Structures are given as C-alpha cells and as structure tokens.
Amino acid sequence: MSLNAAFPKFEVDIKGLWTTREEEAQVAKFEEWYKRLKTKSAAREIAAKSKSFCFIDLPAELRNRVYAFAFQNEKRFGEQRSLALLATPAVTRVSKQIRQETLPLFFATTSFRLDVASYLAPNPGGRTGHYTSRARYQNSGKLHIKQEVKKAIRCAGDKALIRNIEFYVCNARDWRARDRIRGIDPSFVVFTAKIKVEKGNLMLDVSLNSSSGDQSGMSDSVAAAMADMKAAIENASTKQDFQGFSLQDLEQIVKILRH
C-alpha cells in the first residue's frame, strides 16, 4: 500500500548552497538510497498486481516432479520400507484431487518390503510338533497390513499398482520373533520373492535365504511353497495391460502360503 500521498514532493538541488564535502557525500548517499527505493517500489507494484498461480494448474509432468521430490523426503514407515507400516506422504492429504494423483504415483514408484509367514509342514521323519498351533496357522498366508494402509490403497483406486516389492517369508512358528519396525531377523527368513515391474514386464527372483538356519526336514515343503508363490506371481502378471500388482493380487499371492 502506497503512503506517498502523505508526503509532499521535493527535489534535491544543492548547486546554490554553500556545503561541505561531508554534506555533499551525505546527499550523494541519499540519492543512491532513493534509487534503490524506486527499484524496490517497482518490484512491489509488480508483485501486488500479479496473480498467484494454482499448483493444480501446473502441467502434469511438473506436478509429478514435485510429488516425487515430496516422496523422497518422507521417512515415516521405517528403514525397511515396510508396506505393512506405511504412512502415506503428507502431500496426499492436501486435497482430494491431489490425493487421487499422488497415491497411485507413490505406490508405483516406491520400493516396498513385506514380511509374511508360511505354514511349512515338516517332511516325514523330520521335526514334528512345531506347526500344529492354531495361532501359527492363522498367521500364515496373510499380508498383515494395517487397515489404514489398506484404506489408502483402496482410496487410490484401480491405479494403485505396486511395481517394486520384496517378500520375506518365514516359518509360521517364527512369526512372533519379528520386530515390528526392523522386520524379520534374517536368520528366520526361509526364502524371498523379489518383484520388479518395468513397462509391464515382470522381473522375478524367488530364492532360498542363504543366511537362514538349517532347513532339514522341511525342504519339500519349502520347495513347494516357493514354486506355488512363483506361479501365483506369474499368473497375476498375465492380466491384460499389466502394469503392476493390486492389493487383491498381493492377497492372492500370499494366500497360497497357507497350505
């Protein structure tokens, strides 16, 4: 807001004045200050007259870059990037429209980890008595994802497709040994299934965990679980226009671990 009307106009002319060098220097200093003042005034006028832009009016490509930057600075679901502990980025809560744009992008561009359990029965002659617990059986073949995460994925709709995820499969009897934040201890992981989807092409690696303990007496059951999980993943990727895995796909993939 301009207050110039409260002050009379004036001009500085010291040619007819008897002045000292110090006074002339002060006048010169004032002139420089006044030039800077006029520059600042012009900038303020431009800013006052210009309209603020709406973020959603930016090109989609530019918005996606902003979203990607926001995702990189979100560290709210642990160092292991567990899908089960996911907290959606703050930017997804700005508005409904932005949430619809950001959630699918977030799930598609983030690498997740998910710990799951399998009801692995021993071979004849192997260890017994470890897999009959009802609680252990119920822990098998489930995603163990909190309801808030499921709600976020469903809120993103059909476009919420996960393209990078690693399953860490442990014995059902060892499920309680997991740490909620750090995940399953590597020594309890029986095998892993690492999934990556690029331009609709599936890259899959299902392999035994080299750091796990002795699995004698369970080799047949483990081999069957690995083969079944591999087949379930490959089957889910055969859908037309496949670009990633939905929450329902993940549920069906993990369900086969519940023998």
Foldseek 3Di string as FASTA:
>chain_A
DDPCVVDDDDDDDCPVPDDDPVVVVVVVVVVVVVVVVVVVVVVVVVVVPDDDDDPVPDDPVVNLVVLVVQLVPDDQQAPQQALQRDDDGPQLVPDLVSVLVNQLVNQAPDAHEFEAEFQFDFAVVDDDDQRPDPQLLVRALARNHDPVSVVSLVSNPPSNFHFWYKYFYFHSSCCVVADSRVGDDLQRGQWMWTWGFDQLDIDIDIDGRPNYDDPPRRVVRVVVLSVLLVVLVVVQSPDPPRGHHGPVSSSSSRNSSSD
